[in-house]
C-alpha atoms as a PDB file:
ATOM      1  CA  MET A   1     157.647 126.619  82.433  1.00  0.00           C
ATOM      2  CA  PRO A   2     154.129 125.364  81.534  1.00  0.00           C
ATOM      3  CA  LEU A   3     151.796 127.660  79.639  1.00  0.00           C
ATOM      4  CA  THR A   4     149.302 129.525  81.836  1.00  0.00           C
ATOM      5  CA  LEU A   5     145.795 129.291  80.423  1.00  0.00           C
ATOM      6  CA  ARG A   6     143.332 132.116  80.957  1.00  0.00           C
ATOM      7  CA  VAL A   7     139.762 130.950  81.556  1.00  0.00           C
ATOM      8  CA  LEU A   8     136.491 132.870  81.365  1.00  0.00           C
ATOM      9  CA  ILE A   9     133.563 131.427  83.355  1.00  0.00           C
ATOM     10  CA  ALA A  10     130.064 132.147  82.020  1.00  0.00           C
ATOM     11  CA  ASP A  11     127.244 130.988  84.292  1.00  0.00           C
ATOM     12  CA  ASP A  12     124.300 132.830  85.824  1.00  0.00           C
ATOM     13  CA  ASP A  13     124.620 130.968  89.155  1.00  0.00           C
ATOM     14  CA  PRO A  14     127.085 132.787  91.469  1.00  0.00           C
ATOM     15  CA  VAL A  15     127.581 129.651  93.560  1.00  0.00           C
ATOM     16  CA  ILE A  16     128.681 127.663  90.518  1.00  0.00           C
ATOM     17  CA  ARG A  17     130.964 130.484  89.392  1.00  0.00           C
ATOM     18  CA  ALA A  18     132.590 130.616  92.821  1.00  0.00           C
ATOM     19  CA  GLY A  19     133.071 126.844  92.881  1.00  0.00           C
ATOM     20  CA  LEU A  20     134.618 126.784  89.424  1.00  0.00           C
ATOM     21  CA  ARG A  21     136.903 129.688  90.281  1.00  0.00           C
ATOM     22  CA  ALA A  22     138.128 127.851  93.390  1.00  0.00           C
ATOM     23  CA  LEU A  23     138.789 124.648  91.453  1.00  0.00           C
ATOM     24  CA  LEU A  24     140.604 126.347  88.597  1.00  0.00           C
ATOM     25  CA  THR A  25     142.739 128.728  90.625  1.00  0.00           C
ATOM     26  CA  ALA A  26     143.907 125.834  92.813  1.00  0.00           C
ATOM     27  CA  GLU A  27     145.529 124.312  89.726  1.00  0.00           C
ATOM     28  CA  ASP A  28     148.954 125.444  88.540  1.00  0.00           C
ATOM     29  CA  GLY A  29     148.854 126.907  85.065  1.00  0.00           C
ATOM     30  CA  LEU A  30     145.213 128.023  85.153  1.00  0.00           C
ATOM     31  CA  VAL A  31     143.878 131.479  85.986  1.00  0.00           C
ATOM     32  CA  VAL A  32     140.334 132.860  85.885  1.00  0.00           C
ATOM     33  CA  ALA A  33     140.473 135.947  83.686  1.00  0.00           C
ATOM     34  CA  ALA A  34     136.829 136.977  84.115  1.00  0.00           C
ATOM     35  CA  GLU A  35     133.327 135.833  85.087  1.00  0.00           C
ATOM     36  CA  ALA A  36     130.110 136.478  83.170  1.00  0.00           C
ATOM     37  CA  ARG A  37     126.447 136.105  84.142  1.00  0.00           C
ATOM     38  CA  ASP A  38     125.051 135.617  80.631  1.00  0.00           C
ATOM     39  CA  GLY A  39     126.060 135.204  77.015  1.00  0.00           C
ATOM     40  CA  ARG A  40     126.118 138.918  76.239  1.00  0.00           C
ATOM     41  CA  GLU A  41     128.489 139.667  79.110  1.00  0.00           C
ATOM     42  CA  ALA A  42     130.591 136.627  78.200  1.00  0.00           C
ATOM     43  CA  LEU A  43     131.090 137.972  74.692  1.00  0.00           C
ATOM     44  CA  ARG A  44     131.977 141.441  75.941  1.00  0.00           C
ATOM     45  CA  LEU A  45     134.467 140.074  78.475  1.00  0.00           C
ATOM     46  CA  ALA A  46     135.955 137.639  75.964  1.00  0.00           C
ATOM     47  CA  ARG A  47     136.688 140.533  73.628  1.00  0.00           C
ATOM     48  CA  SER A  48     138.366 142.558  76.363  1.00  0.00           C
ATOM     49  CA  HIS A  49     140.166 139.796  78.310  1.00  0.00           C
ATOM     50  CA  ARG A  50     141.025 137.428  75.444  1.00  0.00           C
ATOM     51  CA  PRO A  51     140.767 134.144  77.402  1.00  0.00           C
ATOM     52  CA  ASP A  52     142.203 130.894  76.075  1.00  0.00           C
ATOM     53  CA  VAL A  53     139.145 128.859  77.102  1.00  0.00           C
ATOM     54  CA  VAL A  54     135.556 129.818  77.909  1.00  0.00           C
ATOM     55  CA  LEU A  55     133.488 127.636  80.263  1.00  0.00           C
ATOM     56  CA  LEU A  56     129.959 128.216  78.995  1.00  0.00           C
ATOM     57  CA  ASP A  57     126.607 127.341  80.550  1.00  0.00           C
ATOM     58  CA  VAL A  58     123.700 126.588  78.209  1.00  0.00           C
ATOM     59  CA  ARG A  59     120.736 128.125  80.009  1.00  0.00           C
ATOM     60  CA  MET A  60     121.235 131.713  81.131  1.00  0.00           C
ATOM     61  CA  PRO A  61     118.849 134.697  81.198  1.00  0.00           C
ATOM     62  CA  GLY A  62     119.024 137.174  78.369  1.00  0.00           C
ATOM     63  CA  VAL A  63     121.485 135.781  75.830  1.00  0.00           C
ATOM     64  CA  ASP A  64     121.898 132.065  76.499  1.00  0.00           C
ATOM     65  CA  GLY A  65     124.966 129.954  75.882  1.00  0.00           C
ATOM     66  CA  ILE A  66     123.842 128.468  72.568  1.00  0.00           C
ATOM     67  CA  SER A  67     123.136 131.942  71.157  1.00  0.00           C
ATOM     68  CA  ALA A  68     126.521 133.261  72.283  1.00  0.00           C
ATOM     69  CA  LEU A  69     128.497 130.179  71.229  1.00  0.00           C
ATOM     70  CA  PRO A  70     129.009 130.961  67.496  1.00  0.00           C
ATOM     71  CA  HIS A  71     130.483 134.343  68.455  1.00  0.00           C
ATOM     72  CA  LEU A  72     132.611 133.082  71.340  1.00  0.00           C
ATOM     73  CA  VAL A  73     134.272 130.342  69.264  1.00  0.00           C
ATOM     74  CA  GLN A  74     135.723 133.108  67.087  1.00  0.00           C
ATOM     75  CA  LEU A  75     137.602 134.409  70.139  1.00  0.00           C
ATOM     76  CA  ALA A  76     138.533 131.325  72.203  1.00  0.00           C
ATOM     77  CA  GLN A  77     138.109 127.600  72.619  1.00  0.00           C
ATOM     78  CA  VAL A  78     134.764 126.867  74.280  1.00  0.00           C
ATOM     79  CA  LEU A  79     133.956 124.092  76.741  1.00  0.00           C
ATOM     80  CA  MET A  80     130.255 123.700  77.535  1.00  0.00           C
ATOM     81  CA  LEU A  81     129.760 123.255  81.288  1.00  0.00           C
ATOM     82  CA  THR A  82     126.107 122.796  82.158  1.00  0.00           C
ATOM     83  CA  HIS A  83     123.293 120.760  83.692  1.00  0.00           C
ATOM     84  CA  SER A  84     121.698 120.340  80.246  1.00  0.00           C
ATOM     85  CA  ARG A  85     122.155 116.857  78.824  1.00  0.00           C
ATOM     86  CA  GLU A  86     119.509 116.730  76.071  1.00  0.00           C
ATOM     87  CA  PRO A  87     120.859 115.064  72.907  1.00  0.00           C
ATOM     88  CA  GLU A  88     119.781 117.926  70.660  1.00  0.00           C
ATOM     89  CA  VAL A  89     121.560 120.473  72.892  1.00  0.00           C
ATOM     90  CA  VAL A  90     124.782 118.439  72.927  1.00  0.00           C
ATOM     91  CA  ARG A  91     124.636 118.018  69.153  1.00  0.00           C
ATOM     92  CA  GLU A  92     123.915 121.687  68.468  1.00  0.00           C
ATOM     93  CA  SER A  93     126.727 122.802  70.775  1.00  0.00           C
ATOM     94  CA  LEU A  94     129.246 120.659  68.921  1.00  0.00           C
ATOM     95  CA  LEU A  95     127.876 121.754  65.542  1.00  0.00           C
ATOM     96  CA  LEU A  96     128.322 125.371  66.574  1.00  0.00           C
ATOM     97  CA  GLY A  97     131.961 124.814  67.473  1.00  0.00           C
ATOM     98  CA  ALA A  98     132.194 123.806  71.139  1.00  0.00           C
ATOM     99  CA  GLY A  99     135.290 121.713  71.761  1.00  0.00           C
ATOM    100  CA  GLY A 100     133.812 119.710  74.628  1.00  0.00           C
ATOM    101  CA  TYR A 101     130.720 119.190  76.752  1.00  0.00           C
ATOM    102  CA  LEU A 102     130.747 118.521  80.499  1.00  0.00           C
ATOM    103  CA  VAL A 103     127.623 117.879  82.553  1.00  0.00           C
ATOM    104  CA  HIS A 104     127.676 118.956  86.198  1.00  0.00           C
ATOM    105  CA  GLY A 105     127.940 116.057  88.618  1.00  0.00           C
ATOM    106  CA  GLU A 106     129.809 113.850  86.159  1.00  0.00           C
ATOM    107  CA  PHE A 107     133.372 115.054  86.563  1.00  0.00           C
ATOM    108  CA  THR A 108     136.003 115.417  89.266  1.00  0.00           C
ATOM    109  CA  PRO A 109     138.135 118.538  89.758  1.00  0.00           C
ATOM    110  CA  ASP A 110     141.033 116.775  88.006  1.00  0.00           C
ATOM    111  CA  GLN A 111     138.788 115.846  85.078  1.00  0.00           C
ATOM    112  CA  LEU A 112     137.627 119.443  84.778  1.00  0.00           C
ATOM    113  CA  THR A 113     141.132 120.849  84.605  1.00  0.00           C
ATOM    114  CA  ALA A 114     142.148 118.094  82.163  1.00  0.00           C
ATOM    115  CA  ALA A 115     139.147 118.997  79.992  1.00  0.00           C
ATOM    116  CA  VAL A 116     140.163 122.657  79.946  1.00  0.00           C
ATOM    117  CA  ARG A 117     143.616 121.687  78.698  1.00  0.00           C
ATOM    118  CA  ASP A 118     142.209 119.161  76.231  1.00  0.00           C
ATOM    119  CA  VAL A 119     139.871 121.692  74.652  1.00  0.00           C
ATOM    120  CA  HIS A 120     142.645 124.279  74.456  1.00  0.00           C
ATOM    121  CA  GLU A 121     144.762 121.742  72.557  1.00  0.00           C
ATOM    122  CA  GLY A 122     141.901 120.836  70.225  1.00  0.00           C
ATOM    123  CA  ARG A 123     141.067 117.491  71.835  1.00  0.00           C
ATOM    124  CA  ALA A 124     137.373 116.743  72.335  1.00  0.00           C
ATOM    125  CA  ASN A 125     136.256 116.069  75.911  1.00  0.00           C
ATOM    126  CA  LEU A 126     132.752 114.897  76.858  1.00  0.00           C
ATOM    127  CA  THR A 127     131.347 113.481  80.086  1.00  0.00           C
ATOM    128  CA  THR A 128     129.385 110.234  80.030  1.00  0.00           C
ATOM    129  CA  SER A 129     125.858 111.519  79.466  1.00  0.00           C
ATOM    130  CA  ALA A 130     127.021 114.004  76.828  1.00  0.00           C
ATOM    131  CA  ALA A 131     128.839 111.246  74.939  1.00  0.00           C
ATOM    132  CA  SER A 132     125.790 108.981  75.256  1.00  0.00           C
ATOM    133  CA  ALA A 133     123.536 111.774  73.988  1.00  0.00           C
ATOM    134  CA  LEU A 134     125.797 112.342  70.996  1.00  0.00           C
ATOM    135  CA  LEU A 135     125.857 108.625  70.242  1.00  0.00           C
ATOM    136  CA  ALA A 136     122.046 108.540  70.394  1.00  0.00           C
ATOM    137  CA  GLU A 137     121.926 111.386  67.879  1.00  0.00           C
ATOM    138  CA  VAL A 138     124.361 109.604  65.557  1.00  0.00           C
ATOM    139  CA  ARG A 139     122.337 106.395  65.737  1.00  0.00           C
ATOM    140  CA  ALA A 140     119.107 108.282  65.126  1.00  0.00           C
ATOM    141  CA  HIS A 141     120.516 109.883  61.998  1.00  0.00           C
ATOM    142  CA  SER A 142     122.069 106.609  60.851  1.00  0.00           C
ATOM    143  CA  SER A 143     118.563 105.208  60.440  1.00  0.00           C
ATOM    144  CA  GLN A 144     118.143 107.334  57.325  1.00  0.00           C
ATOM    145  CA  PRO A 145     118.584 104.915  54.370  1.00  0.00           C
ATOM    146  CA  GLN A 146     120.330 107.356  52.080  1.00  0.00           C
ATOM    147  CA  ARG A 147     123.093 107.873  54.628  1.00  0.00           C
ATOM    148  CA  TYR A 148     123.922 104.515  56.132  1.00  0.00           C
ATOM    149  CA  VAL A 149     121.989 101.519  54.831  1.00  0.00           C
ATOM    150  CA  PRO A 150     121.699 101.066  51.077  1.00  0.00           C
ATOM    151  CA  GLN A 151     119.028  98.409  50.511  1.00  0.00           C
ATOM    152  CA  SER A 152     119.708  95.342  52.675  1.00  0.00           C
ATOM    153  CA  GLN A 153     123.310  95.709  53.820  1.00  0.00           C
ATOM    154  CA  GLY A 154     125.387  98.304  55.701  1.00  0.00           C
ATOM    155  CA  HIS A 155     128.173 100.197  53.977  1.00  0.00           C
ATOM    156  CA  SER A 156     130.878  99.056  56.358  1.00  0.00           C
ATOM    157  CA  THR A 157     130.025  95.365  55.950  1.00  0.00           C
ATOM    158  CA  VAL A 158     129.977  95.514  52.157  1.00  0.00           C
ATOM    159  CA  ASN A 159     132.591  98.107  51.312  1.00  0.00           C
ATOM    160  CA  GLN A 160     135.210  97.674  54.035  1.00  0.00           C
ATOM    161  CA  PRO A 161     136.814  94.569  52.430  1.00  0.00           C
ATOM    162  CA  LEU A 162     136.159  95.945  48.930  1.00  0.00           C
ATOM    163  CA  TYR A 163     138.337  98.998  49.559  1.00  0.00           C
ATOM    164  CA  GLY A 164     140.643  97.548  52.216  1.00  0.00           C
ATOM    165  CA  LEU A 165     139.634  99.961  54.992  1.00  0.00           C
ATOM    166  CA  SER A 166     140.415  99.152  58.603  1.00  0.00           C
ATOM    167  CA  SER A 167     137.548  98.971  61.112  1.00  0.00           C
ATOM    168  CA  ARG A 168     138.310 102.496  62.360  1.00  0.00           C
ATOM    169  CA  GLU A 169     138.582 103.851  58.808  1.00  0.00           C
ATOM    170  CA  ALA A 170     135.231 102.264  57.946  1.00  0.00           C
ATOM    171  CA  GLU A 171     133.699 103.872  61.041  1.00  0.00           C
ATOM    172  CA  VAL A 172     135.104 107.279  60.076  1.00  0.00           C
ATOM    173  CA  MET A 173     133.893 106.864  56.495  1.00  0.00           C
ATOM    174  CA  ASP A 174     130.380 106.050  57.720  1.00  0.00           C
ATOM    175  CA  LEU A 175     130.423 109.252  59.767  1.00  0.00           C
ATOM    176  CA  ILE A 176     131.674 111.240  56.759  1.00  0.00           C
ATOM    177  CA  ALA A 177     128.793 109.790  54.737  1.00  0.00           C
ATOM    178  CA  SER A 178     126.363 110.887  57.465  1.00  0.00           C
ATOM    179  CA  GLY A 179     127.443 114.492  56.877  1.00  0.00           C
ATOM    180  CA  MET A 180     129.617 114.989  59.960  1.00  0.00           C
ATOM    181  CA  SER A 181     132.464 117.518  60.053  1.00  0.00           C
ATOM    182  CA  ASN A 182     135.966 116.542  61.200  1.00  0.00           C
ATOM    183  CA  GLN A 183     135.274 118.086  64.610  1.00  0.00           C
ATOM    184  CA  GLN A 184     132.073 116.089  65.062  1.00  0.00           C
ATOM    185  CA  ILE A 185     133.829 112.884  64.005  1.00  0.00           C
ATOM    186  CA  ALA A 186     136.599 113.578  66.518  1.00  0.00           C
ATOM    187  CA  ALA A 187     134.046 114.064  69.312  1.00  0.00           C
ATOM    188  CA  THR A 188     132.116 110.936  68.355  1.00  0.00           C
ATOM    189  CA  CYS A 189     135.194 108.705  68.133  1.00  0.00           C
ATOM    190  CA  PHE A 190     137.056 110.338  71.073  1.00  0.00           C
ATOM    191  CA  ILE A 191     140.088 111.134  68.912  1.00  0.00           C
ATOM    192  CA  SER A 192     141.757 114.375  67.883  1.00  0.00           C
ATOM    193  CA  GLU A 193     140.919 116.265  64.709  1.00  0.00           C
ATOM    194  CA  LYS A 194     144.490 115.623  63.541  1.00  0.00           C
ATOM    195  CA  THR A 195     143.887 111.874  63.853  1.00  0.00           C
ATOM    196  CA  VAL A 196     140.621 112.257  61.930  1.00  0.00           C
ATOM    197  CA  LYS A 197     142.491 114.044  59.134  1.00  0.00           C
ATOM    198  CA  ASN A 198     145.066 111.251  59.038  1.00  0.00           C
ATOM    199  CA  HIS A 199     142.294 108.659  58.740  1.00  0.00           C
ATOM    200  CA  ILE A 200     140.637 110.673  55.964  1.00  0.00           C
ATOM    201  CA  ASN A 201     143.888 110.923  54.003  1.00  0.00           C
ATOM    202  CA  ARG A 202     144.263 107.134  54.120  1.00  0.00           C
ATOM    203  CA  ILE A 203     140.585 106.615  53.281  1.00  0.00           C
ATOM    204  CA  PHE A 204     140.795 108.906  50.252  1.00  0.00           C
ATOM    205  CA  ALA A 205     143.871 107.036  49.013  1.00  0.00           C
ATOM    206  CA  LYS A 206     142.137 103.654  49.356  1.00  0.00           C
ATOM    207  CA  LEU A 207     138.940 104.903  47.738  1.00  0.00           C
ATOM    208  CA  HIS A 208     140.945 106.647  44.981  1.00  0.00           C
ATOM    209  CA  SER A 209     139.104 109.849  45.809  1.00  0.00           C
ATOM    210  CA  THR A 210     140.219 113.438  46.175  1.00  0.00           C
ATOM    211  CA  THR A 211     137.068 114.970  47.668  1.00  0.00           C
ATOM    212  CA  ARG A 212     134.506 114.108  50.327  1.00  0.00           C
ATOM    213  CA  SER A 213     131.700 113.906  47.768  1.00  0.00           C
ATOM    214  CA  GLU A 214     133.664 111.506  45.579  1.00  0.00           C
ATOM    215  CA  ALA A 215     134.552 109.301  48.557  1.00  0.00           C
ATOM    216  CA  ILE A 216     130.929 109.269  49.722  1.00  0.00           C
ATOM    217  CA  ALA A 217     129.734 108.308  46.241  1.00  0.00           C
ATOM    218  CA  ARG A 218     132.099 105.333  46.183  1.00  0.00           C
ATOM    219  CA  TRP A 219     131.247 104.340  49.750  1.00  0.00           C
ATOM    220  CA  LEU A 220     127.508 104.471  49.129  1.00  0.00           C
ATOM    221  CA  GLY A 221     127.875 102.406  45.999  1.00  0.00           C
ATOM    222  CA  THR A 222     126.933 105.093  43.501  1.00  0.00           C
ATOM    223  CA  ALA A 223     130.407 104.976  41.948  1.00  0.00           C
ATOM    224  CA  ARG A 224     132.153 101.765  40.933  1.00  0.00           C
ATOM    225  CA  PRO A 225     135.698 100.894  42.125  1.00  0.00           C
ATOM    226  CA  GLY A 226     138.257 101.993  39.581  1.00  0.00           C
ATOM    227  CA  MET A 227     136.084 104.679  38.032  1.00  0.00           C
ATOM    228  CA  THR A 228     137.280 108.262  38.148  1.00  0.00           C
ATOM    229  CA  GLY A 229     134.929 110.622  39.867  1.00  0.00           C
ATOM    230  CA  HIS A 230     134.437 114.300  39.324  1.00  0.00           C
ATOM    231  CA  GLY A 231     134.534 115.444  42.990  1.00  0.00           C
END
């Protein structure tokens, strides 16, 4: 028998809450445990109802979604579900622990229910504009020379053949060098955190590194191949 997931809906618009409730309850294996009108009520209800997944709006009166997010992620997986598509909002939500980001009007009922299950299982799920916003943020940060472009050539072009990394491993290593966490890398590359960890294990072996800082030093060219780092 499939696991039944308990969902908490947090949105100040009663029409949206009613629509989400109808969509979720029509799906086998999903139940709406509670509904909240703002972040404060969402936190209170999450503590009492212990949902598996929280659907969280960004802009709500009183305590908004971003303010409530760091507390809610301690209690359940959180899927942002909002009209807000600004790159900085998407980025901050993922930094604060959201497992996915859906923008209203960009998903079907089946995609919504799939996203709920994905986030519960630790798989990142973003709709098109959220993914595009995140990519724009990554590209904006990649313009900083100390992170991505030492002098005249990119790290991937120079160091990928030097260390024998695959194209995906080089991409992941660039994101590590940019300061991203495993969760952010997973969201950016549309892979699971487990897959990210597997890539990192292989990268560390090829770079003869045992820590992130040591791997970054080698990747950025501040440590020479074959030299032992200090982590």
